[in-house]
Amino acid sequence: MNYFLHSIQNVLFDIAIFTWYTLFVLTYFDIFKNANYYLDILNTVLKLYISVFLLWRFNNFRNVEFTNLDKKVIFNGALYLFMSTLLVKFIVHKFASNNETPNNLATKIIDSYN
């Protein structure tokens, strides 16, 4: 495997995963209004990258050595798919059905104690 390409993918994947977690938190707490839009775009990009990466690296016609990048993509890909499938859908449906945001919910709870 080309070392330069491998190292670039390693860094870019770390940045993408960190950005995804940041946007996830920003969306959940409704801190940044456009975070949901960027989270949706990044979801699509990450799903495509993970799919193409796994199809390319682990198809039946290649013999590959398992690298740290492979481990990172597989673990974070599985964690990402779990979180984006279950948690993001849960959060979107929960707040969409109640017309609530976490900030409004926190404000109501704090006001109820005052």
PDB file of N, CA and C in Angstrom:
ATOM      1  N   MET A   1       0.842  -1.174   0.000  1.00  0.00           N
ATOM      2  CA  MET A   1       0.000   0.000   0.000  1.00  0.00           C
ATOM      3  C   MET A   1       0.890   1.240   0.000  1.00  0.00           C
ATOM      4  N   ASN A   2       0.474   2.238  -0.718  1.00  0.00           N
ATOM      5  CA  ASN A   2       1.198   3.490  -0.794  1.00  0.00           C
ATOM      6  C   ASN A   2       1.181   4.172   0.580  1.00  0.00           C
ATOM      7  N   TYR A   3       2.369   4.400   1.139  1.00  0.00           N
ATOM      8  CA  TYR A   3       2.463   4.958   2.491  1.00  0.00           C
ATOM      9  C   TYR A   3       1.858   6.360   2.572  1.00  0.00           C
ATOM     10  N   PHE A   4       2.103   7.194   1.565  1.00  0.00           N
ATOM     11  CA  PHE A   4       1.577   8.558   1.569  1.00  0.00           C
ATOM     12  C   PHE A   4       0.051   8.543   1.566  1.00  0.00           C
ATOM     13  N   LEU A   5      -0.543   7.755   0.691  1.00  0.00           N
ATOM     14  CA  LEU A   5      -2.001   7.658   0.618  1.00  0.00           C
ATOM     15  C   LEU A   5      -2.569   7.099   1.921  1.00  0.00           C
ATOM     16  N   HIS A   6      -1.878   6.121   2.477  1.00  0.00           N
ATOM     17  CA  HIS A   6      -2.292   5.512   3.740  1.00  0.00           C
ATOM     18  C   HIS A   6      -2.294   6.545   4.873  1.00  0.00           C
ATOM     19  N   SER A   7      -1.249   7.353   4.966  1.00  0.00           N
ATOM     20  CA  SER A   7      -1.161   8.349   6.039  1.00  0.00           C
ATOM     21  C   SER A   7      -2.188   9.464   5.844  1.00  0.00           C
ATOM     22  N   ILE A   8      -2.443   9.864   4.603  1.00  0.00           N
ATOM     23  CA  ILE A   8      -3.463  10.894   4.331  1.00  0.00           C
ATOM     24  C   ILE A   8      -4.837  10.380   4.734  1.00  0.00           C
ATOM     25  N   GLN A   9      -5.156   9.149   4.372  1.00  0.00           N
ATOM     26  CA  GLN A   9      -6.450   8.567   4.751  1.00  0.00           C
ATOM     27  C   GLN A   9      -6.582   8.480   6.262  1.00  0.00           C
ATOM     28  N   ASN A  10      -5.515   8.131   6.933  1.00  0.00           N
ATOM     29  CA  ASN A  10      -5.518   8.001   8.379  1.00  0.00           C
ATOM     30  C   ASN A  10      -5.873   9.335   9.037  1.00  0.00           C
ATOM     31  N   VAL A  11      -5.229  10.402   8.598  1.00  0.00           N
ATOM     32  CA  VAL A  11      -5.472  11.735   9.172  1.00  0.00           C
ATOM     33  C   VAL A  11      -6.873  12.230   8.814  1.00  0.00           C
ATOM     34  N   LEU A  12      -7.260  12.099   7.555  1.00  0.00           N
ATOM     35  CA  LEU A  12      -8.569  12.580   7.137  1.00  0.00           C
ATOM     36  C   LEU A  12      -9.707  11.822   7.824  1.00  0.00           C
ATOM     37  N   PHE A  13      -9.511  10.534   8.024  1.00  0.00           N
ATOM     38  CA  PHE A  13     -10.547   9.759   8.707  1.00  0.00           C
ATOM     39  C   PHE A  13     -10.678  10.209  10.158  1.00  0.00           C
ATOM     40  N   ASP A  14      -9.557  10.472  10.830  1.00  0.00           N
ATOM     41  CA  ASP A  14      -9.603  10.987  12.204  1.00  0.00           C
ATOM     42  C   ASP A  14     -10.336  12.324  12.267  1.00  0.00           C
ATOM     43  N   ILE A  15     -10.034  13.203  11.328  1.00  0.00           N
ATOM     44  CA  ILE A  15     -10.689  14.511  11.287  1.00  0.00           C
ATOM     45  C   ILE A  15     -12.188  14.349  11.046  1.00  0.00           C
ATOM     46  N   ALA A  16     -12.563  13.482  10.130  1.00  0.00           N
ATOM     47  CA  ALA A  16     -13.979  13.274   9.820  1.00  0.00           C
ATOM     48  C   ALA A  16     -14.728  12.706  11.019  1.00  0.00           C
ATOM     49  N   ILE A  17     -14.143  11.744  11.716  1.00  0.00           N
ATOM     50  CA  ILE A  17     -14.806  11.163  12.883  1.00  0.00           C
ATOM     51  C   ILE A  17     -14.927  12.187  14.002  1.00  0.00           C
ATOM     52  N   PHE A  18     -13.869  12.954  14.256  1.00  0.00           N
ATOM     53  CA  PHE A  18     -13.934  13.995  15.285  1.00  0.00           C
ATOM     54  C   PHE A  18     -14.987  15.045  14.926  1.00  0.00           C
ATOM     55  N   THR A  19     -15.039  15.435  13.661  1.00  0.00           N
ATOM     56  CA  THR A  19     -16.038  16.409  13.209  1.00  0.00           C
ATOM     57  C   THR A  19     -17.436  15.845  13.367  1.00  0.00           C
ATOM     58  N   TRP A  20     -17.617  14.552  13.071  1.00  0.00           N
ATOM     59  CA  TRP A  20     -18.937  13.935  13.204  1.00  0.00           C
ATOM     60  C   TRP A  20     -19.403  13.972  14.662  1.00  0.00           C
ATOM     61  N   TYR A  21     -18.518  13.591  15.591  1.00  0.00           N
ATOM     62  CA  TYR A  21     -18.889  13.622  17.005  1.00  0.00           C
ATOM     63  C   TYR A  21     -19.201  15.046  17.461  1.00  0.00           C
ATOM     64  N   THR A  22     -18.414  16.006  17.002  1.00  0.00           N
ATOM     65  CA  THR A  22     -18.654  17.408  17.363  1.00  0.00           C
ATOM     66  C   THR A  22     -20.000  17.875  16.834  1.00  0.00           C
ATOM     67  N   LEU A  23     -20.290  17.594  15.580  1.00  0.00           N
ATOM     68  CA  LEU A  23     -21.579  17.992  15.001  1.00  0.00           C
ATOM     69  C   LEU A  23     -22.734  17.274  15.680  1.00  0.00           C
ATOM     70  N   PHE A  24     -22.509  16.031  16.068  1.00  0.00           N
ATOM     71  CA  PHE A  24     -23.539  15.281  16.777  1.00  0.00           C
ATOM     72  C   PHE A  24     -23.901  15.978  18.087  1.00  0.00           C
ATOM     73  N   VAL A  25     -22.890  16.388  18.855  1.00  0.00           N
ATOM     74  CA  VAL A  25     -23.125  17.079  20.127  1.00  0.00           C
ATOM     75  C   VAL A  25     -23.774  18.438  19.881  1.00  0.00           C
ATOM     76  N   LEU A  26     -23.279  19.164  18.886  1.00  0.00           N
ATOM     77  CA  LEU A  26     -23.850  20.475  18.570  1.00  0.00           C
ATOM     78  C   LEU A  26     -25.311  20.356  18.141  1.00  0.00           C
ATOM     79  N   THR A  27     -25.632  19.316  17.402  1.00  0.00           N
ATOM     80  CA  THR A  27     -27.020  19.092  16.991  1.00  0.00           C
ATOM     81  C   THR A  27     -27.876  18.695  18.182  1.00  0.00           C
ATOM     82  N   TYR A  28     -27.366  17.795  19.008  1.00  0.00           N
ATOM     83  CA  TYR A  28     -28.141  17.314  20.151  1.00  0.00           C
ATOM     84  C   TYR A  28     -28.498  18.443  21.106  1.00  0.00           C
ATOM     85  N   PHE A  29     -27.541  19.312  21.393  1.00  0.00           N
ATOM     86  CA  PHE A  29     -27.794  20.404  22.332  1.00  0.00           C
ATOM     87  C   PHE A  29     -28.260  21.680  21.645  1.00  0.00           C
ATOM     88  N   ASP A  30     -28.475  21.616  20.343  1.00  0.00           N
ATOM     89  CA  ASP A  30     -28.999  22.742  19.563  1.00  0.00           C
ATOM     90  C   ASP A  30     -28.163  23.998  19.782  1.00  0.00           C
ATOM     91  N   ILE A  31     -26.855  23.836  19.756  1.00  0.00           N
ATOM     92  CA  ILE A  31     -25.936  24.949  19.973  1.00  0.00           C
ATOM     93  C   ILE A  31     -25.715  25.727  18.678  1.00  0.00           C
ATOM     94  N   PHE A  32     -25.553  25.000  17.586  1.00  0.00           N
ATOM     95  CA  PHE A  32     -25.294  25.605  16.283  1.00  0.00           C
ATOM     96  C   PHE A  32     -26.450  25.220  15.371  1.00  0.00           C
ATOM     97  N   LYS A  33     -27.160  26.202  14.865  1.00  0.00           N
ATOM     98  CA  LYS A  33     -28.398  25.947  14.115  1.00  0.00           C
ATOM     99  C   LYS A  33     -28.185  25.121  12.854  1.00  0.00           C
ATOM    100  N   ASN A  34     -27.047  25.302  12.162  1.00  0.00           N
ATOM    101  CA  ASN A  34     -26.797  24.577  10.919  1.00  0.00           C
ATOM    102  C   ASN A  34     -26.078  23.248  11.129  1.00  0.00           C
ATOM    103  N   ALA A  35     -25.839  22.864  12.359  1.00  0.00           N
ATOM    104  CA  ALA A  35     -25.099  21.626  12.630  1.00  0.00           C
ATOM    105  C   ALA A  35     -25.830  20.408  12.072  1.00  0.00           C
ATOM    106  N   ASN A  36     -27.143  20.395  12.131  1.00  0.00           N
ATOM    107  CA  ASN A  36     -27.923  19.270  11.617  1.00  0.00           C
ATOM    108  C   ASN A  36     -27.711  19.107  10.114  1.00  0.00           C
ATOM    109  N   TYR A  37     -27.656  20.229   9.403  1.00  0.00           N
ATOM    110  CA  TYR A  37     -27.423  20.198   7.958  1.00  0.00           C
ATOM    111  C   TYR A  37     -26.051  19.599   7.648  1.00  0.00           C
ATOM    112  N   TYR A  38     -25.014  20.079   8.344  1.00  0.00           N
ATOM    113  CA  TYR A  38     -23.663  19.574   8.113  1.00  0.00           C
ATOM    114  C   TYR A  38     -23.510  18.128   8.597  1.00  0.00           C
ATOM    115  N   LEU A  39     -24.214  17.765   9.645  1.00  0.00           N
ATOM    116  CA  LEU A  39     -24.189  16.384  10.128  1.00  0.00           C
ATOM    117  C   LEU A  39     -24.771  15.446   9.084  1.00  0.00           C
ATOM    118  N   ASP A  40     -25.825  15.872   8.432  1.00  0.00           N
ATOM    119  CA  ASP A  40     -26.447  15.056   7.398  1.00  0.00           C
ATOM    120  C   ASP A  40     -25.495  14.857   6.215  1.00  0.00           C
ATOM    121  N   ILE A  41     -24.823  15.914   5.808  1.00  0.00           N
ATOM    122  CA  ILE A  41     -23.855  15.809   4.706  1.00  0.00           C
ATOM    123  C   ILE A  41     -22.700  14.897   5.101  1.00  0.00           C
ATOM    124  N   LEU A  42     -22.160  15.107   6.302  1.00  0.00           N
ATOM    125  CA  LEU A  42     -21.043  14.286   6.754  1.00  0.00           C
ATOM    126  C   LEU A  42     -21.458  12.824   6.933  1.00  0.00           C
ATOM    127  N   ASN A  43     -22.691  12.578   7.349  1.00  0.00           N
ATOM    128  CA  ASN A  43     -23.202  11.204   7.432  1.00  0.00           C
ATOM    129  C   ASN A  43     -23.101  10.520   6.084  1.00  0.00           C
ATOM    130  N   THR A  44     -23.549  11.200   5.047  1.00  0.00           N
ATOM    131  CA  THR A  44     -23.527  10.625   3.708  1.00  0.00           C
ATOM    132  C   THR A  44     -22.099  10.374   3.239  1.00  0.00           C
ATOM    133  N   VAL A  45     -21.220  11.346   3.456  1.00  0.00           N
ATOM    134  CA  VAL A  45     -19.823  11.204   3.031  1.00  0.00           C
ATOM    135  C   VAL A  45     -19.147  10.048   3.767  1.00  0.00           C
ATOM    136  N   LEU A  46     -19.349   9.958   5.074  1.00  0.00           N
ATOM    137  CA  LEU A  46     -18.728   8.877   5.845  1.00  0.00           C
ATOM    138  C   LEU A  46     -19.258   7.512   5.434  1.00  0.00           C
ATOM    139  N   LYS A  47     -20.551   7.415   5.216  1.00  0.00           N
ATOM    140  CA  LYS A  47     -21.109   6.126   4.776  1.00  0.00           C
ATOM    141  C   LYS A  47     -20.514   5.701   3.444  1.00  0.00           C
ATOM    142  N   LEU A  48     -20.380   6.650   2.525  1.00  0.00           N
ATOM    143  CA  LEU A  48     -19.790   6.327   1.223  1.00  0.00           C
ATOM    144  C   LEU A  48     -18.323   5.934   1.366  1.00  0.00           C
ATOM    145  N   TYR A  49     -17.564   6.680   2.167  1.00  0.00           N
ATOM    146  CA  TYR A  49     -16.152   6.361   2.348  1.00  0.00           C
ATOM    147  C   TYR A  49     -15.969   4.984   2.976  1.00  0.00           C
ATOM    148  N   ILE A  50     -16.710   4.722   4.039  1.00  0.00           N
ATOM    149  CA  ILE A  50     -16.582   3.428   4.713  1.00  0.00           C
ATOM    150  C   ILE A  50     -16.969   2.291   3.777  1.00  0.00           C
ATOM    151  N   SER A  51     -18.024   2.479   3.017  1.00  0.00           N
ATOM    152  CA  SER A  51     -18.461   1.442   2.073  1.00  0.00           C
ATOM    153  C   SER A  51     -17.409   1.167   1.010  1.00  0.00           C
ATOM    154  N   VAL A  52     -16.905   2.227   0.385  1.00  0.00           N
ATOM    155  CA  VAL A  52     -15.906   2.059  -0.672  1.00  0.00           C
ATOM    156  C   VAL A  52     -14.614   1.481  -0.102  1.00  0.00           C
ATOM    157  N   PHE A  53     -14.207   1.967   1.071  1.00  0.00           N
ATOM    158  CA  PHE A  53     -12.992   1.458   1.708  1.00  0.00           C
ATOM    159  C   PHE A  53     -13.103  -0.038   1.965  1.00  0.00           C
ATOM    160  N   LEU A  54     -14.196  -0.465   2.568  1.00  0.00           N
ATOM    161  CA  LEU A  54     -14.357  -1.890   2.878  1.00  0.00           C
ATOM    162  C   LEU A  54     -14.476  -2.737   1.623  1.00  0.00           C
ATOM    163  N   LEU A  55     -15.193  -2.245   0.622  1.00  0.00           N
ATOM    164  CA  LEU A  55     -15.308  -2.993  -0.635  1.00  0.00           C
ATOM    165  C   LEU A  55     -13.953  -3.116  -1.330  1.00  0.00           C
ATOM    166  N   TRP A  56     -13.174  -2.060  -1.324  1.00  0.00           N
ATOM    167  CA  TRP A  56     -11.883  -2.086  -1.994  1.00  0.00           C
ATOM    168  C   TRP A  56     -10.869  -2.936  -1.248  1.00  0.00           C
ATOM    169  N   ARG A  57     -10.764  -2.730   0.036  1.00  0.00           N
ATOM    170  CA  ARG A  57      -9.726  -3.422   0.813  1.00  0.00           C
ATOM    171  C   ARG A  57     -10.016  -4.904   1.021  1.00  0.00           C
ATOM    172  N   PHE A  58     -11.266  -5.262   1.178  1.00  0.00           N
ATOM    173  CA  PHE A  58     -11.574  -6.628   1.599  1.00  0.00           C
ATOM    174  C   PHE A  58     -12.416  -7.400   0.589  1.00  0.00           C
ATOM    175  N   ASN A  59     -12.199  -7.144  -0.696  1.00  0.00           N
ATOM    176  CA  ASN A  59     -12.909  -7.953  -1.687  1.00  0.00           C
ATOM    177  C   ASN A  59     -12.205  -9.302  -1.837  1.00  0.00           C
ATOM    178  N   ASN A  60     -12.869 -10.234  -2.455  1.00  0.00           N
ATOM    179  CA  ASN A  60     -12.361 -11.607  -2.551  1.00  0.00           C
ATOM    180  C   ASN A  60     -11.177 -11.762  -3.500  1.00  0.00           C
ATOM    181  N   PHE A  61     -10.884 -10.761  -4.302  1.00  0.00           N
ATOM    182  CA  PHE A  61      -9.846 -10.878  -5.312  1.00  0.00           C
ATOM    183  C   PHE A  61      -8.504 -10.301  -4.868  1.00  0.00           C
ATOM    184  N   ARG A  62      -8.412  -9.873  -3.609  1.00  0.00           N
ATOM    185  CA  ARG A  62      -7.172  -9.278  -3.104  1.00  0.00           C
ATOM    186  C   ARG A  62      -6.713 -10.015  -1.854  1.00  0.00           C
ATOM    187  N   ASN A  63      -5.430 -10.070  -1.686  1.00  0.00           N
ATOM    188  CA  ASN A  63      -4.844 -10.519  -0.430  1.00  0.00           C
ATOM    189  C   ASN A  63      -4.268  -9.282   0.240  1.00  0.00           C
ATOM    190  N   VAL A  64      -4.743  -8.979   1.430  1.00  0.00           N
ATOM    191  CA  VAL A  64      -4.307  -7.755   2.094  1.00  0.00           C
ATOM    192  C   VAL A  64      -3.727  -8.069   3.460  1.00  0.00           C
ATOM    193  N   GLU A  65      -2.809  -7.219   3.871  1.00  0.00           N
ATOM    194  CA  GLU A  65      -2.308  -7.260   5.238  1.00  0.00           C
ATOM    195  C   GLU A  65      -3.163  -6.317   6.060  1.00  0.00           C
ATOM    196  N   PHE A  66      -3.541  -6.752   7.223  1.00  0.00           N
ATOM    197  CA  PHE A  66      -4.397  -5.962   8.103  1.00  0.00           C
ATOM    198  C   PHE A  66      -3.553  -4.871   8.745  1.00  0.00           C
ATOM    199  N   THR A  67      -3.912  -3.588   8.528  1.00  0.00           N
ATOM    200  CA  THR A  67      -3.147  -2.460   9.059  1.00  0.00           C
ATOM    201  C   THR A  67      -3.921  -1.773  10.180  1.00  0.00           C
ATOM    202  N   ASN A  68      -3.257  -0.830  10.841  1.00  0.00           N
ATOM    203  CA  ASN A  68      -3.932  -0.052  11.885  1.00  0.00           C
ATOM    204  C   ASN A  68      -5.068   0.787  11.315  1.00  0.00           C
ATOM    205  N   LEU A  69      -4.899   1.277  10.084  1.00  0.00           N
ATOM    206  CA  LEU A  69      -5.979   2.023   9.434  1.00  0.00           C
ATOM    207  C   LEU A  69      -7.195   1.129   9.235  1.00  0.00           C
ATOM    208  N   ASP A  70      -6.968  -0.115   8.840  1.00  0.00           N
ATOM    209  CA  ASP A  70      -8.080  -1.053   8.667  1.00  0.00           C
ATOM    210  C   ASP A  70      -8.834  -1.235   9.979  1.00  0.00           C
ATOM    211  N   LYS A  71      -8.085  -1.424  11.065  1.00  0.00           N
ATOM    212  CA  LYS A  71      -8.713  -1.597  12.373  1.00  0.00           C
ATOM    213  C   LYS A  71      -9.520  -0.363  12.758  1.00  0.00           C
ATOM    214  N   LYS A  72      -8.926   0.807  12.519  1.00  0.00           N
ATOM    215  CA  LYS A  72      -9.587   2.056  12.877  1.00  0.00           C
ATOM    216  C   LYS A  72     -10.865   2.258  12.074  1.00  0.00           C
ATOM    217  N   VAL A  73     -10.800   2.009  10.770  1.00  0.00           N
ATOM    218  CA  VAL A  73     -11.975   2.199   9.921  1.00  0.00           C
ATOM    219  C   VAL A  73     -13.063   1.195  10.292  1.00  0.00           C
ATOM    220  N   ILE A  74     -12.699  -0.030  10.551  1.00  0.00           N
ATOM    221  CA  ILE A  74     -13.697  -1.049  10.885  1.00  0.00           C
ATOM    222  C   ILE A  74     -14.364  -0.735  12.224  1.00  0.00           C
ATOM    223  N   PHE A  75     -13.574  -0.442  13.252  1.00  0.00           N
ATOM    224  CA  PHE A  75     -14.151  -0.152  14.565  1.00  0.00           C
ATOM    225  C   PHE A  75     -14.982   1.123  14.541  1.00  0.00           C
ATOM    226  N   ASN A  76     -14.389   2.218  14.057  1.00  0.00           N
ATOM    227  CA  ASN A  76     -15.127   3.474  14.023  1.00  0.00           C
ATOM    228  C   ASN A  76     -16.292   3.429  13.052  1.00  0.00           C
ATOM    229  N   GLY A  77     -16.140   2.671  11.976  1.00  0.00           N
ATOM    230  CA  GLY A  77     -17.250   2.508  11.040  1.00  0.00           C
ATOM    231  C   GLY A  77     -18.426   1.800  11.686  1.00  0.00           C
ATOM    232  N   ALA A  78     -18.134   0.747  12.432  1.00  0.00           N
ATOM    233  CA  ALA A  78     -19.206   0.027  13.128  1.00  0.00           C
ATOM    234  C   ALA A  78     -19.851   0.909  14.194  1.00  0.00           C
ATOM    235  N   LEU A  79     -19.030   1.612  14.964  1.00  0.00           N
ATOM    236  CA  LEU A  79     -19.551   2.522  15.985  1.00  0.00           C
ATOM    237  C   LEU A  79     -20.361   3.650  15.356  1.00  0.00           C
ATOM    238  N   TYR A  80     -19.857   4.206  14.266  1.00  0.00           N
ATOM    239  CA  TYR A  80     -20.549   5.273  13.556  1.00  0.00           C
ATOM    240  C   TYR A  80     -21.892   4.789  13.012  1.00  0.00           C
ATOM    241  N   LEU A  81     -21.895   3.618  12.375  1.00  0.00           N
ATOM    242  CA  LEU A  81     -23.151   3.094  11.836  1.00  0.00           C
ATOM    243  C   LEU A  81     -24.171   2.835  12.940  1.00  0.00           C
ATOM    244  N   PHE A  82     -23.698   2.318  14.062  1.00  0.00           N
ATOM    245  CA  PHE A  82     -24.587   2.098  15.202  1.00  0.00           C
ATOM    246  C   PHE A  82     -25.185   3.413  15.687  1.00  0.00           C
ATOM    247  N   MET A  83     -24.309   4.405  15.906  1.00  0.00           N
ATOM    248  CA  MET A  83     -24.783   5.684  16.436  1.00  0.00           C
ATOM    249  C   MET A  83     -25.649   6.431  15.430  1.00  0.00           C
ATOM    250  N   SER A  84     -25.245   6.439  14.180  1.00  0.00           N
ATOM    251  CA  SER A  84     -26.017   7.201  13.199  1.00  0.00           C
ATOM    252  C   SER A  84     -27.348   6.536  12.896  1.00  0.00           C
ATOM    253  N   THR A  85     -27.385   5.228  12.985  1.00  0.00           N
ATOM    254  CA  THR A  85     -28.637   4.532  12.693  1.00  0.00           C
ATOM    255  C   THR A  85     -29.606   4.615  13.858  1.00  0.00           C
ATOM    256  N   LEU A  86     -29.142   4.321  15.051  1.00  0.00           N
ATOM    257  CA  LEU A  86     -30.044   4.291  16.200  1.00  0.00           C
ATOM    258  C   LEU A  86     -30.185   5.633  16.898  1.00  0.00           C
ATOM    259  N   LEU A  87     -29.086   6.205  17.320  1.00  0.00           N
ATOM    260  CA  LEU A  87     -29.155   7.398  18.151  1.00  0.00           C
ATOM    261  C   LEU A  87     -29.618   8.634  17.392  1.00  0.00           C
ATOM    262  N   VAL A  88     -29.097   8.849  16.194  1.00  0.00           N
ATOM    263  CA  VAL A  88     -29.504  10.026  15.433  1.00  0.00           C
ATOM    264  C   VAL A  88     -30.978   9.935  15.074  1.00  0.00           C
ATOM    265  N   LYS A  89     -31.422   8.779  14.645  1.00  0.00           N
ATOM    266  CA  LYS A  89     -32.845   8.611  14.321  1.00  0.00           C
ATOM    267  C   LYS A  89     -33.705   8.823  15.557  1.00  0.00           C
ATOM    268  N   PHE A  90     -33.269   8.294  16.700  1.00  0.00           N
ATOM    269  CA  PHE A  90     -33.998   8.459  17.948  1.00  0.00           C
ATOM    270  C   PHE A  90     -34.101   9.931  18.321  1.00  0.00           C
ATOM    271  N   ILE A  91     -32.996  10.642  18.254  1.00  0.00           N
ATOM    272  CA  ILE A  91     -32.979  12.054  18.633  1.00  0.00           C
ATOM    273  C   ILE A  91     -33.845  12.878  17.691  1.00  0.00           C
ATOM    274  N   VAL A  92     -33.707  12.642  16.398  1.00  0.00           N
ATOM    275  CA  VAL A  92     -34.484  13.410  15.420  1.00  0.00           C
ATOM    276  C   VAL A  92     -35.969  13.172  15.613  1.00  0.00           C
ATOM    277  N   HIS A  93     -36.367  11.922  15.781  1.00  0.00           N
ATOM    278  CA  HIS A  93     -37.794  11.623  15.950  1.00  0.00           C
ATOM    279  C   HIS A  93     -38.316  12.107  17.294  1.00  0.00           C
ATOM    280  N   LYS A  94     -37.507  12.016  18.327  1.00  0.00           N
ATOM    281  CA  LYS A  94     -37.934  12.439  19.656  1.00  0.00           C
ATOM    282  C   LYS A  94     -38.233  13.930  19.678  1.00  0.00           C
ATOM    283  N   PHE A  95     -37.306  14.721  19.157  1.00  0.00           N
ATOM    284  CA  PHE A  95     -37.487  16.166  19.203  1.00  0.00           C
ATOM    285  C   PHE A  95     -38.455  16.651  18.125  1.00  0.00           C
ATOM    286  N   ALA A  96     -38.525  15.960  17.017  1.00  0.00           N
ATOM    287  CA  ALA A  96     -39.462  16.358  15.967  1.00  0.00           C
ATOM    288  C   ALA A  96     -40.898  16.097  16.413  1.00  0.00           C
ATOM    289  N   SER A  97     -41.120  15.006  17.130  1.00  0.00           N
ATOM    290  CA  SER A  97     -42.476  14.687  17.563  1.00  0.00           C
ATOM    291  C   SER A  97     -42.951  15.600  18.688  1.00  0.00           C
ATOM    292  N   ASN A  98     -42.035  16.069  19.525  1.00  0.00           N
ATOM    293  CA  ASN A  98     -42.398  16.953  20.634  1.00  0.00           C
ATOM    294  C   ASN A  98     -42.257  18.422  20.299  1.00  0.00           C
ATOM    295  N   ASN A  99     -41.705  18.731  19.138  1.00  0.00           N
ATOM    296  CA  ASN A  99     -41.360  20.105  18.781  1.00  0.00           C
ATOM    297  C   ASN A  99     -40.514  20.742  19.865  1.00  0.00           C
ATOM    298  N   GLU A 100     -39.609  19.957  20.422  1.00  0.00           N
ATOM    299  CA  GLU A 100     -38.739  20.412  21.508  1.00  0.00           C
ATOM    300  C   GLU A 100     -37.292  20.341  21.060  1.00  0.00           C
ATOM    301  N   THR A 101     -36.477  21.126  21.704  1.00  0.00           N
ATOM    302  CA  THR A 101     -35.035  21.031  21.554  1.00  0.00           C
ATOM    303  C   THR A 101     -34.471  20.746  22.934  1.00  0.00           C
ATOM    304  N   PRO A 102     -33.277  20.217  23.028  1.00  0.00           N
ATOM    305  CA  PRO A 102     -32.698  19.968  24.353  1.00  0.00           C
ATOM    306  C   PRO A 102     -32.596  21.236  25.193  1.00  0.00           C
ATOM    307  N   ASN A 103     -32.334  22.382  24.545  1.00  0.00           N
ATOM    308  CA  ASN A 103     -32.266  23.643  25.298  1.00  0.00           C
ATOM    309  C   ASN A 103     -33.618  23.998  25.900  1.00  0.00           C
ATOM    310  N   ASN A 104     -34.690  23.850  25.130  1.00  0.00           N
ATOM    311  CA  ASN A 104     -36.033  24.143  25.651  1.00  0.00           C
ATOM    312  C   ASN A 104     -36.393  23.193  26.782  1.00  0.00           C
ATOM    313  N   LEU A 105     -36.034  21.928  26.623  1.00  0.00           N
ATOM    314  CA  LEU A 105     -36.311  20.938  27.651  1.00  0.00           C
ATOM    315  C   LEU A 105     -35.558  21.273  28.929  1.00  0.00           C
ATOM    316  N   ALA A 106     -34.264  21.625  28.800  1.00  0.00           N
ATOM    317  CA  ALA A 106     -33.465  21.986  29.983  1.00  0.00           C
ATOM    318  C   ALA A 106     -34.016  23.238  30.656  1.00  0.00           C
ATOM    319  N   THR A 107     -34.446  24.209  29.858  1.00  0.00           N
ATOM    320  CA  THR A 107     -35.021  25.432  30.427  1.00  0.00           C
ATOM    321  C   THR A 107     -36.292  25.126  31.210  1.00  0.00           C
ATOM    322  N   LYS A 108     -37.144  24.258  30.693  1.00  0.00           N
ATOM    323  CA  LYS A 108     -38.379  23.897  31.393  1.00  0.00           C
ATOM    324  C   LYS A 108     -38.077  23.188  32.707  1.00  0.00           C
ATOM    325  N   ILE A 109     -37.080  22.320  32.700  1.00  0.00           N
ATOM    326  CA  ILE A 109     -36.738  21.597  33.923  1.00  0.00           C
ATOM    327  C   ILE A 109     -36.178  22.562  34.966  1.00  0.00           C
ATOM    328  N   ILE A 110     -35.294  23.449  34.540  1.00  0.00           N
ATOM    329  CA  ILE A 110     -34.716  24.425  35.472  1.00  0.00           C
ATOM    330  C   ILE A 110     -35.795  25.362  36.008  1.00  0.00           C
ATOM    331  N   ASP A 111     -36.689  25.822  35.135  1.00  0.00           N
ATOM    332  CA  ASP A 111     -37.762  26.724  35.575  1.00  0.00           C
ATOM    333  C   ASP A 111     -38.731  26.049  36.527  1.00  0.00           C
ATOM    334  N   SER A 112     -38.911  24.749  36.391  1.00  0.00           N
ATOM    335  CA  SER A 112     -39.842  24.057  37.266  1.00  0.00           C
ATOM    336  C   SER A 112     -39.318  23.968  38.703  1.00  0.00           C
ATOM    337  N   TYR A 113     -38.000  24.050  38.869  1.00  0.00           N
ATOM    338  CA  TYR A 113     -37.415  24.023  40.213  1.00  0.00           C
ATOM    339  C   TYR A 113     -37.357  25.404  40.869  1.00  0.00           C
ATOM    340  N   ASN A 114     -37.523  26.451  40.081  1.00  0.00           N
ATOM    341  CA  ASN A 114     -37.454  27.816  40.626  1.00  0.00           C
ATOM    342  C   ASN A 114     -38.777  28.298  41.140  1.00  0.00           C
TER     343      ASN A 114
END
